Amino acid sequence: MKLGVKISSIIFDRKVSVAIGALVIFLVSIDLLMSRQILPYTNETESVMFILTIIIGYGIGSWMLLGFTKRVSKEIRAKSSFVNSMHWTVTIIQFSLFAILSFILFSDTTGFLSPSVFAVSSVAACVVLGIISFKFFSWYKLSNNKNLTVLLYGLAAVTLAISIAEDVGTKLLMIQVIQEKSLPGAVTQSIFVYKPSKKYNADIEYKVVNPHTTTLYLLPNSNLAVYNYLNSIVLPIAFLFRWFGSIALLRSFYQRIGKLPISFWIVLSLPLILYMVGKIPGFTSGESMTGIAEPYRYIFRILYRGGTIAGNILFGLAFFIVARGVVSLKVKDYLTITAIGFTMVGISLSTSALQQTYGIAAHSLVLLSSYLFSIGLYVSALSVSQDSLLRKSIRSSTEDLVYNIGSAEMEQQIENTVRKVIRSQQKELEEQTGGFSHEVTDNDVKEYMALVIEERKRSSISGVEESKKTKQEEQLD
């Protein structure tokens, strides 16, 4: 038993998890660059990337990252049925996706299975991000000091969820799939076309050619304007909020050390500049970049996707930097989980889900990454809210974000407790008076909360003063 625990602690270690997370992120980045026509590919390289994404992303990577999360969140999961339920739900879905993708690999057919993997992972990721965005807004509302970073990350989470929903919605509802007989002597291949077709009155987005059949993924002209508009607006907004949140987090952290150098701002601004410059053609021409010469298309694709990858690395790096400044080892673990997930989610989302093997597999890692980001921050808040010494340590050693969400979570727990007491007291009063009881409003609850929080502060202050007095007396003796 002890040997098993020791092996588990070695395998599911923070440094090992960071290495595995970095490997998965690197792999997904290659999938992104291939599916976006930046890196060349052949049928063989597509097969290799599909196999590696399944084995590393869904097999070894998911097992180790979810195992690390399970180990470090053990105490929180024992106290919170919500966290425990979310962990096991995501774990079951993730390994179910692993099984389906493995079946696709060995059966050498995609059919309805690839779109199913795409849909399930995207919907589940939206639910997870929806929950954490709701928590962020709750923390911001309840926090005494309205922390801008908390608000920005709440907006980042909700716009990220909307981006994932927009992506799955447009791909599954607007893209039409048709099959036709292949030309004699057709060579097996898959290519991104992004060219208009008068024959189909649509843009041909993607084509899969087999010896007998050719499958075309078409975007009808009737859907083209809406499709391009959504892709041009929703994704950049989500990117901007994540960038602003990361800037606010790093700025607050480094202000404790000294004035930020110009080089700091240049490094932080570079991914945003690359992203927005590369996205310029997409605002007018959509993904097809109609009217732009092919050499320029390639340059814009490099800028856009390079900014995407660099930006998401920056977003995760912000949490890694904050984690280094935290004294508590368990909060370091939680923030490390957050950093891995936050880096991975944007890169996974940007991989084209039109590609039915490695593209779908890489894109569907949005579920794992969304969960890691969300659960890392959420358990940080729970841990801090339940441990006043830990909260004091964090406040003195690092950024306000974790402290603020922890304090807000504590206040939320107090409010829930107050409401439970009120309901219990009302029930007893109704039994004693034959059904009559005083109606308690939300303002009454807030007043009760204020009293409880004030009492906590007074008791903490008196405890500190009593401790100082005792130490002084001991020194005099």
Protein backbone atom coordinates (compact mmCIF):
# COMPACT_ATOMS: atom_id res chain seq x y z
CA MET A 1 0.00 0.00 0.00
CA LYS A 2 2.78 2.42 0.97
CA LEU A 3 4.73 1.46 -2.16
CA GLY A 4 1.67 2.21 -4.32
CA VAL A 5 1.24 5.61 -2.70
CA LYS A 6 4.94 6.39 -3.19
CA ILE A 7 4.83 5.40 -6.88
CA SER A 8 1.65 7.44 -7.34
CA SER A 9 3.25 10.53 -5.77
CA ILE A 10 6.25 10.17 -8.11
CA ILE A 11 4.20 9.65 -11.29
CA PHE A 12 1.63 12.33 -10.45
CA ASP A 13 4.26 14.88 -9.42
CA ARG A 14 4.08 18.58 -10.30
CA LYS A 15 7.26 18.59 -12.39
CA VAL A 16 6.26 15.43 -14.23
CA SER A 17 2.82 16.90 -14.91
CA VAL A 18 4.37 20.11 -16.26
CA ALA A 19 6.59 18.04 -18.60
CA ILE A 20 3.63 15.97 -19.81
CA GLY A 21 1.51 19.11 -20.20
CA ALA A 22 4.28 20.74 -22.26
CA LEU A 23 4.50 17.64 -24.47
CA VAL A 24 0.73 17.63 -25.10
CA ILE A 25 0.77 21.38 -25.83
CA PHE A 26 3.66 20.92 -28.30
CA LEU A 27 1.80 18.08 -30.01
CA VAL A 28 -1.44 20.07 -30.29
CA SER A 29 0.53 23.03 -31.66
CA ILE A 30 1.86 20.81 -34.46
CA ASP A 31 -1.71 19.61 -35.13
CA LEU A 32 -2.80 23.25 -35.30
CA LEU A 33 -0.06 24.25 -37.75
CA MET A 34 -0.78 21.25 -39.98
CA SER A 35 -4.55 21.73 -40.00
CA ARG A 36 -4.11 25.44 -40.81
CA GLN A 37 -1.87 24.85 -43.86
CA ILE A 38 1.33 26.17 -42.31
CA LEU A 39 3.26 22.90 -41.94
CA PRO A 40 3.25 20.53 -44.94
CA TYR A 41 1.75 17.10 -44.44
CA THR A 42 1.20 13.78 -46.20
CA ASN A 43 -1.12 10.86 -45.56
CA GLU A 44 1.63 9.25 -43.49
CA THR A 45 2.29 12.32 -41.30
CA GLU A 46 -1.46 12.72 -40.76
CA SER A 47 -1.67 9.12 -39.54
CA VAL A 48 1.37 9.58 -37.29
CA MET A 49 -0.06 12.75 -35.73
CA PHE A 50 -3.43 11.07 -35.18
CA ILE A 51 -1.77 8.13 -33.40
CA LEU A 52 0.45 10.41 -31.27
CA THR A 53 -2.45 12.68 -30.34
CA ILE A 54 -4.52 9.70 -29.20
CA ILE A 55 -1.73 7.98 -27.27
CA ILE A 56 -0.17 11.07 -25.68
CA GLY A 57 -3.10 13.48 -25.54
CA TYR A 58 -5.86 11.08 -24.52
CA GLY A 59 -3.90 8.13 -23.14
CA ILE A 60 -0.75 8.98 -21.20
CA GLY A 61 -1.36 12.72 -21.00
CA SER A 62 -4.96 12.56 -19.79
CA TRP A 63 -4.16 9.77 -17.35
CA MET A 64 -1.25 11.65 -15.77
CA LEU A 65 -2.81 15.13 -15.75
CA LEU A 66 -6.15 13.89 -14.37
CA GLY A 67 -4.24 11.70 -11.91
CA PHE A 68 -2.22 14.68 -10.71
CA THR A 69 -5.42 16.72 -10.37
CA LYS A 70 -7.09 13.88 -8.47
CA ARG A 71 -4.17 13.59 -6.06
CA VAL A 72 -3.77 17.28 -5.24
CA SER A 73 -7.52 17.88 -4.95
CA LYS A 74 -8.13 14.89 -2.67
CA GLU A 75 -8.93 16.97 0.43
CA ILE A 76 -11.16 19.39 -1.47
CA ARG A 77 -13.04 16.57 -3.23
CA ALA A 78 -13.69 14.93 0.13
CA LYS A 79 -15.37 18.15 1.32
CA SER A 80 -17.08 19.17 -1.92
CA SER A 81 -19.37 16.73 -3.72
CA PHE A 82 -19.59 19.24 -6.58
CA VAL A 83 -15.82 19.15 -7.23
CA ASN A 84 -15.75 15.38 -6.87
CA SER A 85 -18.67 14.92 -9.28
CA MET A 86 -17.11 17.26 -11.84
CA HIS A 87 -13.79 15.40 -11.67
CA TRP A 88 -15.30 11.99 -12.25
CA THR A 89 -17.69 13.23 -14.95
CA VAL A 90 -14.87 14.79 -16.95
CA THR A 91 -12.67 11.71 -16.40
CA ILE A 92 -15.38 9.36 -17.70
CA ILE A 93 -16.09 11.55 -20.74
CA GLN A 94 -12.39 12.02 -21.52
CA PHE A 95 -11.59 8.32 -21.53
CA SER A 96 -14.79 7.58 -23.45
CA LEU A 97 -13.48 9.94 -26.13
CA PHE A 98 -10.17 8.04 -25.96
CA ALA A 99 -12.02 4.78 -26.65
CA ILE A 100 -14.02 6.25 -29.56
CA LEU A 101 -10.93 7.80 -31.17
CA SER A 102 -9.07 4.49 -30.79
CA PHE A 103 -11.95 2.74 -32.55
CA ILE A 104 -11.78 5.31 -35.38
CA LEU A 105 -8.04 4.66 -35.68
CA PHE A 106 -8.33 0.88 -35.94
CA SER A 107 -11.51 0.84 -38.03
CA ASP A 108 -10.05 3.39 -40.48
CA THR A 109 -13.40 5.16 -40.78
CA THR A 110 -14.79 8.35 -39.28
CA GLY A 111 -18.49 8.38 -40.16
CA PHE A 112 -20.60 9.96 -37.44
CA LEU A 113 -18.05 9.15 -34.71
CA SER A 114 -15.67 12.07 -35.35
CA PRO A 115 -18.47 14.68 -35.28
CA SER A 116 -19.79 13.00 -32.11
CA VAL A 117 -16.41 13.36 -30.39
CA PHE A 118 -16.30 17.00 -31.52
CA ALA A 119 -19.82 17.72 -30.24
CA VAL A 120 -19.53 15.94 -26.88
CA SER A 121 -16.17 17.47 -25.97
CA SER A 122 -17.26 20.97 -27.00
CA VAL A 123 -20.59 20.90 -25.13
CA ALA A 124 -18.92 19.50 -21.99
CA ALA A 125 -16.18 22.16 -22.19
CA CYS A 126 -18.82 24.90 -22.50
CA VAL A 127 -20.56 23.60 -19.36
CA VAL A 128 -17.28 23.54 -17.40
CA LEU A 129 -16.30 27.05 -18.51
CA GLY A 130 -19.83 28.29 -17.88
CA ILE A 131 -19.58 27.11 -14.29
CA ILE A 132 -16.19 28.73 -13.66
CA SER A 133 -17.30 32.01 -15.30
CA PHE A 134 -20.34 32.06 -13.00
CA LYS A 135 -17.99 31.53 -10.06
CA PHE A 136 -15.71 34.35 -11.22
CA PHE A 137 -18.61 36.79 -11.42
CA SER A 138 -19.83 35.64 -7.99
CA TRP A 139 -16.36 36.15 -6.52
CA TYR A 140 -16.16 39.61 -8.07
CA LYS A 141 -19.60 40.58 -6.78
CA LEU A 142 -18.95 39.33 -3.24
CA SER A 143 -15.38 40.60 -2.90
CA ASN A 144 -15.04 43.74 -0.77
CA ASN A 145 -12.24 44.98 -3.02
CA LYS A 146 -13.53 44.82 -6.60
CA ASN A 147 -10.53 43.19 -8.23
CA LEU A 148 -10.31 43.93 -11.97
CA THR A 149 -8.32 40.75 -12.62
CA VAL A 150 -11.15 38.58 -11.27
CA LEU A 151 -13.65 40.36 -13.54
CA LEU A 152 -11.40 40.03 -16.59
CA TYR A 153 -10.91 36.30 -16.05
CA GLY A 154 -14.66 35.91 -15.63
CA LEU A 155 -15.16 37.61 -18.99
CA ALA A 156 -12.33 35.53 -20.48
CA ALA A 157 -13.97 32.28 -19.31
CA VAL A 158 -17.44 33.18 -20.57
CA THR A 159 -16.20 34.44 -23.97
CA LEU A 160 -14.05 31.31 -24.29
CA ALA A 161 -17.15 29.19 -23.67
CA ILE A 162 -19.04 31.22 -26.29
CA SER A 163 -16.14 30.71 -28.74
CA ILE A 164 -16.26 26.94 -28.28
CA ALA A 165 -20.05 26.97 -28.67
CA GLU A 166 -19.79 29.15 -31.79
CA ASP A 167 -17.16 26.86 -33.30
CA VAL A 168 -19.10 23.64 -32.78
CA GLY A 169 -22.36 25.28 -33.80
CA THR A 170 -21.08 26.71 -37.09
CA LYS A 171 -19.14 23.56 -38.01
CA LEU A 172 -22.00 21.12 -37.34
CA LEU A 173 -24.96 23.27 -38.39
CA MET A 174 -23.62 25.38 -41.27
CA ILE A 175 -21.13 23.06 -42.96
CA GLN A 176 -22.70 20.58 -45.37
CA VAL A 177 -21.08 17.23 -46.13
CA ILE A 178 -21.63 15.59 -49.50
CA GLN A 179 -20.10 12.55 -51.15
CA GLU A 180 -19.53 11.94 -54.85
CA LYS A 181 -17.81 9.35 -56.94
CA SER A 182 -14.05 9.85 -57.25
CA LEU A 183 -12.43 10.34 -60.63
CA PRO A 184 -10.66 7.29 -62.13
CA GLY A 185 -7.14 6.90 -60.73
CA ALA A 186 -7.83 9.24 -57.80
CA VAL A 187 -5.04 9.31 -55.21
CA THR A 188 -5.98 9.09 -51.53
CA GLN A 189 -5.48 12.48 -49.90
CA SER A 190 -7.10 15.16 -47.78
CA ILE A 191 -6.67 18.87 -48.46
CA PHE A 192 -8.00 22.20 -47.21
CA VAL A 193 -9.40 24.01 -50.23
CA TYR A 194 -11.09 27.24 -49.08
CA LYS A 195 -12.23 28.14 -52.60
CA PRO A 196 -15.65 29.09 -54.00
CA SER A 197 -17.50 26.64 -56.24
CA LYS A 198 -20.21 27.65 -58.71
CA LYS A 199 -21.22 24.01 -59.07
CA TYR A 200 -22.24 23.72 -55.42
CA ASN A 201 -23.02 27.41 -54.83
CA ALA A 202 -20.73 27.21 -51.82
CA ASP A 203 -17.17 27.50 -50.57
CA ILE A 204 -15.34 24.17 -50.55
CA GLU A 205 -13.64 24.15 -47.15
CA TYR A 206 -12.13 20.67 -46.99
CA LYS A 207 -11.91 17.63 -49.28
CA VAL A 208 -11.15 13.99 -48.54
CA VAL A 209 -10.37 11.87 -51.61
CA ASN A 210 -10.48 8.07 -51.54
CA PRO A 211 -10.19 5.69 -54.51
CA HIS A 212 -13.99 5.25 -54.68
CA THR A 213 -15.53 8.33 -53.06
CA THR A 214 -14.70 12.00 -52.53
CA THR A 215 -16.12 13.76 -49.47
CA LEU A 216 -16.60 17.52 -49.64
CA TYR A 217 -17.19 19.86 -46.70
CA LEU A 218 -19.12 22.82 -48.07
CA LEU A 219 -20.05 26.18 -46.64
CA PRO A 220 -23.16 27.33 -48.59
CA ASN A 221 -23.09 30.92 -49.82
CA SER A 222 -26.28 31.54 -47.82
CA ASN A 223 -24.34 30.85 -44.60
CA LEU A 224 -21.09 32.49 -45.64
CA ALA A 225 -21.69 36.00 -44.25
CA VAL A 226 -22.89 34.81 -40.84
CA TYR A 227 -20.11 32.21 -40.61
CA ASN A 228 -17.37 34.75 -41.38
CA TYR A 229 -18.91 37.36 -39.07
CA LEU A 230 -19.02 34.99 -36.09
CA ASN A 231 -15.46 33.77 -36.67
CA SER A 232 -14.20 37.34 -37.05
CA ILE A 233 -15.85 38.67 -33.89
CA VAL A 234 -16.23 35.95 -31.26
CA LEU A 235 -12.73 34.43 -31.29
CA PRO A 236 -10.78 37.75 -31.18
CA ILE A 237 -12.94 39.03 -28.30
CA ALA A 238 -12.18 35.90 -26.27
CA PHE A 239 -8.47 36.27 -27.07
CA LEU A 240 -8.50 39.92 -25.99
CA PHE A 241 -10.11 39.20 -22.62
CA ARG A 242 -7.59 36.43 -21.91
CA TRP A 243 -4.78 38.82 -22.87
CA PHE A 244 -6.11 41.63 -20.67
CA GLY A 245 -6.61 39.21 -17.76
CA SER A 246 -3.05 37.92 -18.07
CA ILE A 247 -1.65 41.46 -18.32
CA ALA A 248 -3.57 42.52 -15.20
CA LEU A 249 -2.35 39.44 -13.33
CA LEU A 250 1.31 39.93 -14.28
CA ARG A 251 1.21 43.69 -13.76
CA SER A 252 -0.16 43.28 -10.25
CA PHE A 253 2.43 40.60 -9.48
CA TYR A 254 5.45 42.55 -10.76
CA GLN A 255 4.36 45.83 -9.18
CA ARG A 256 5.36 44.28 -5.87
CA ILE A 257 8.92 44.08 -7.16
CA GLY A 258 9.23 47.42 -8.89
CA LYS A 259 8.37 49.44 -11.98
CA LEU A 260 7.71 47.41 -15.10
CA PRO A 261 10.40 47.84 -17.80
CA ILE A 262 9.52 48.73 -21.39
CA SER A 263 10.86 45.35 -22.55
CA PHE A 264 8.19 43.68 -20.39
CA TRP A 265 5.41 45.47 -22.27
CA ILE A 266 6.98 44.72 -25.65
CA VAL A 267 7.14 40.99 -24.91
CA LEU A 268 3.56 40.95 -23.65
CA SER A 269 2.24 42.98 -26.58
CA LEU A 270 3.98 41.00 -29.33
CA PRO A 271 1.54 38.00 -29.36
CA LEU A 272 -1.45 40.37 -29.49
CA ILE A 273 0.09 42.35 -32.37
CA LEU A 274 0.85 39.16 -34.34
CA TYR A 275 -2.64 37.83 -33.68
CA MET A 276 -4.49 41.00 -34.72
CA VAL A 277 -2.33 41.71 -37.79
CA GLY A 278 -2.69 38.11 -38.95
CA LYS A 279 -6.44 38.28 -38.40
CA ILE A 280 -6.95 41.40 -40.57
CA PRO A 281 -7.87 39.49 -43.79
CA GLY A 282 -10.31 37.37 -41.80
CA PHE A 283 -12.32 40.45 -40.87
CA THR A 284 -13.14 41.08 -44.54
CA SER A 285 -12.68 37.78 -46.38
CA GLY A 286 -13.19 35.09 -43.73
CA GLU A 287 -11.08 31.93 -43.54
CA SER A 288 -10.93 31.63 -47.32
CA MET A 289 -9.11 35.02 -47.64
CA THR A 290 -10.79 35.52 -51.01
CA GLY A 291 -9.03 38.11 -53.16
CA ILE A 292 -5.66 37.77 -51.41
CA ALA A 293 -2.73 36.23 -53.32
CA GLU A 294 -1.52 32.87 -52.02
CA PRO A 295 1.95 34.05 -50.82
CA TYR A 296 0.32 36.77 -48.72
CA ARG A 297 -2.26 34.32 -47.39
CA TYR A 298 0.58 32.16 -46.08
CA ILE A 299 2.24 35.14 -44.38
CA PHE A 300 -1.00 36.17 -42.70
CA ARG A 301 -1.61 32.58 -41.59
CA ILE A 302 1.86 32.43 -40.01
CA LEU A 303 1.30 35.71 -38.17
CA TYR A 304 -2.18 34.74 -36.96
CA ARG A 305 -1.36 31.21 -35.83
CA GLY A 306 2.01 32.26 -34.42
CA GLY A 307 0.23 34.92 -32.36
CA THR A 308 -2.33 32.32 -31.26
CA ILE A 309 0.30 29.89 -29.97
CA ALA A 310 2.51 32.60 -28.42
CA GLY A 311 -0.51 34.28 -26.80
CA ASN A 312 -1.75 31.08 -25.20
CA ILE A 313 1.72 30.29 -23.90
CA LEU A 314 1.72 33.78 -22.37
CA PHE A 315 -1.69 33.17 -20.75
CA GLY A 316 -0.45 29.99 -19.09
CA LEU A 317 2.91 31.49 -18.21
CA ALA A 318 1.16 34.17 -16.15
CA PHE A 319 -0.15 31.50 -13.78
CA PHE A 320 3.20 29.68 -13.70
CA ILE A 321 4.89 32.93 -12.62
CA VAL A 322 2.30 33.53 -9.90
CA ALA A 323 2.63 29.91 -8.75
CA ARG A 324 6.37 30.40 -8.21
CA GLY A 325 5.66 33.24 -5.80
CA VAL A 326 3.20 31.27 -3.67
CA VAL A 327 4.47 29.80 -0.39
CA SER A 328 1.83 27.07 -0.09
CA LEU A 329 2.76 23.90 -2.00
CA LYS A 330 -0.84 22.85 -2.56
CA VAL A 331 -1.80 26.20 -4.10
CA LYS A 332 1.32 25.92 -6.29
CA ASP A 333 -0.10 22.61 -7.51
CA TYR A 334 -3.54 24.12 -8.17
CA LEU A 335 -2.12 27.08 -10.11
CA THR A 336 0.14 24.75 -12.10
CA ILE A 337 -2.96 22.80 -13.17
CA THR A 338 -4.59 26.11 -14.13
CA ALA A 339 -1.54 27.16 -16.17
CA ILE A 340 -1.41 23.91 -18.16
CA GLY A 341 -5.12 24.05 -18.93
CA PHE A 342 -5.15 27.74 -19.85
CA THR A 343 -2.24 27.29 -22.26
CA MET A 344 -3.76 24.25 -23.93
CA VAL A 345 -7.37 25.39 -24.34
CA GLY A 346 -6.80 28.19 -26.85
CA ILE A 347 -4.42 26.12 -29.00
CA SER A 348 -6.84 23.17 -29.04
CA LEU A 349 -9.73 25.46 -29.97
CA SER A 350 -7.77 26.91 -32.91
CA THR A 351 -7.09 23.49 -34.47
CA SER A 352 -9.46 22.85 -37.38
CA ALA A 353 -12.18 20.35 -36.52
CA LEU A 354 -12.94 19.89 -40.22
CA GLN A 355 -9.95 17.56 -40.32
CA GLN A 356 -11.61 14.32 -39.22
CA THR A 357 -8.72 12.48 -37.54
CA TYR A 358 -5.88 14.38 -35.87
CA GLY A 359 -7.80 17.68 -36.22
CA ILE A 360 -10.84 16.42 -34.32
CA ALA A 361 -8.62 14.69 -31.75
CA ALA A 362 -6.55 17.83 -31.04
CA HIS A 363 -9.57 20.15 -31.04
CA SER A 364 -11.51 17.93 -28.64
CA LEU A 365 -8.83 18.39 -25.98
CA VAL A 366 -10.74 21.60 -25.19
CA LEU A 367 -12.61 19.52 -22.60
CA LEU A 368 -9.51 18.39 -20.70
CA SER A 369 -7.90 21.83 -20.90
CA SER A 370 -11.07 23.70 -19.88
CA TYR A 371 -11.42 21.38 -16.89
CA LEU A 372 -7.79 21.82 -15.79
CA PHE A 373 -8.07 25.61 -16.00
CA SER A 374 -11.41 25.72 -14.19
CA ILE A 375 -10.75 23.17 -11.47
CA GLY A 376 -7.30 24.61 -10.74
CA LEU A 377 -8.70 28.05 -9.96
CA TYR A 378 -11.81 26.72 -8.22
CA VAL A 379 -9.96 24.45 -5.78
CA SER A 380 -7.51 27.31 -5.14
CA ALA A 381 -10.48 29.41 -4.03
CA LEU A 382 -11.92 26.62 -1.89
CA SER A 383 -8.56 25.88 -0.29
CA VAL A 384 -7.88 29.54 0.47
CA SER A 385 -11.42 30.15 1.77
CA GLN A 386 -11.12 27.25 4.22
CA ASP A 387 -7.63 28.03 5.48
CA SER A 388 -7.12 31.50 6.99
CA LEU A 389 -3.39 30.92 7.60
CA LEU A 390 -2.95 29.91 4.00
CA ARG A 391 -4.87 32.97 2.87
CA LYS A 392 -2.59 35.20 4.96
CA SER A 393 0.47 33.50 3.47
CA ILE A 394 -0.74 34.03 -0.08
CA ARG A 395 -1.66 37.64 0.54
CA SER A 396 1.81 38.40 1.84
CA SER A 397 3.68 36.51 -0.85
CA THR A 398 1.92 36.93 -4.18
CA GLU A 399 -0.89 38.25 -6.33
CA ASP A 400 -4.35 39.40 -5.16
CA LEU A 401 -6.29 37.22 -7.61
CA VAL A 402 -6.22 34.01 -5.58
CA TYR A 403 -6.72 35.89 -2.31
CA ASN A 404 -9.74 37.77 -3.64
CA ILE A 405 -11.51 34.73 -5.05
CA GLY A 406 -10.71 32.85 -1.84
CA SER A 407 -12.15 35.60 0.35
CA ALA A 408 -15.21 35.88 -1.87
CA GLU A 409 -15.71 32.11 -1.74
CA MET A 410 -15.53 32.28 2.07
CA GLU A 411 -18.20 35.00 2.08
CA GLN A 412 -20.33 32.90 -0.25
CA GLN A 413 -20.04 29.96 2.13
CA ILE A 414 -21.05 32.25 5.02
CA GLU A 415 -24.07 33.42 3.02
CA ASN A 416 -25.11 29.82 2.30
CA THR A 417 -24.75 28.96 5.99
CA VAL A 418 -26.76 32.02 7.03
CA ARG A 419 -29.54 31.09 4.61
CA LYS A 420 -29.63 27.52 5.93
CA VAL A 421 -29.88 28.79 9.52
CA ILE A 422 -32.66 31.19 8.51
CA ARG A 423 -34.61 28.43 6.80
CA SER A 424 -34.19 26.18 9.83
CA GLN A 425 -35.29 28.92 12.22
CA GLN A 426 -38.29 29.81 10.02
CA LYS A 427 -39.38 26.18 9.97
CA GLU A 428 -39.17 25.90 13.75
CA LEU A 429 -41.08 29.18 14.14
CA GLU A 430 -43.81 28.00 11.77
CA GLU A 431 -44.23 24.77 13.77
CA GLN A 432 -44.46 26.72 17.03
CA THR A 433 -46.88 29.41 15.77
CA GLY A 434 -49.11 27.33 13.53
CA GLY A 435 -47.66 28.42 10.21
CA PHE A 436 -46.72 32.06 10.87
CA SER A 437 -43.18 33.29 10.36
CA HIS A 438 -41.42 36.55 9.53
CA GLU A 439 -40.34 36.85 5.87
CA VAL A 440 -36.59 37.39 5.56
CA THR A 441 -35.46 39.49 2.58
CA ASP A 442 -32.12 39.48 0.74
CA ASN A 443 -31.22 42.70 2.55
CA ASP A 444 -31.77 40.93 5.88
CA VAL A 445 -29.44 38.12 4.76
CA LYS A 446 -26.75 40.66 3.75
CA GLU A 447 -27.06 42.37 7.14
CA TYR A 448 -26.68 39.03 8.92
CA MET A 449 -23.66 38.26 6.73
CA ALA A 450 -22.08 41.62 7.52
CA LEU A 451 -22.50 40.90 11.22
CA VAL A 452 -20.93 37.45 10.90
CA ILE A 453 -17.98 38.72 8.82
CA GLU A 454 -17.45 41.63 11.22
CA GLU A 455 -17.46 39.23 14.15
CA ARG A 456 -14.86 37.08 12.35
CA LYS A 457 -12.65 40.13 11.81
CA ARG A 458 -12.99 41.21 15.44
CA SER A 459 -12.19 37.73 16.71
CA SER A 460 -9.15 37.56 14.40
CA ILE A 461 -7.91 40.98 15.58
CA SER A 462 -8.49 40.14 19.24
CA GLY A 463 -6.75 36.80 18.72
CA VAL A 464 -3.70 38.53 17.24
CA GLU A 465 -3.63 41.12 20.05
CA GLU A 466 -3.98 38.40 22.69
CA SER A 467 -1.13 36.49 21.08
CA LYS A 468 1.10 39.60 21.08
CA LYS A 469 0.22 40.32 24.72
CA THR A 470 1.10 36.76 25.73
CA LYS A 471 4.45 36.96 23.94
CA GLN A 472 5.28 40.28 25.63
CA GLU A 473 4.44 38.84 29.04
CA GLU A 474 6.64 35.82 28.36
CA GLN A 475 9.52 38.11 27.37
CA LEU A 476 9.11 40.15 30.58
CA ASP A 477 9.13 36.97 32.65
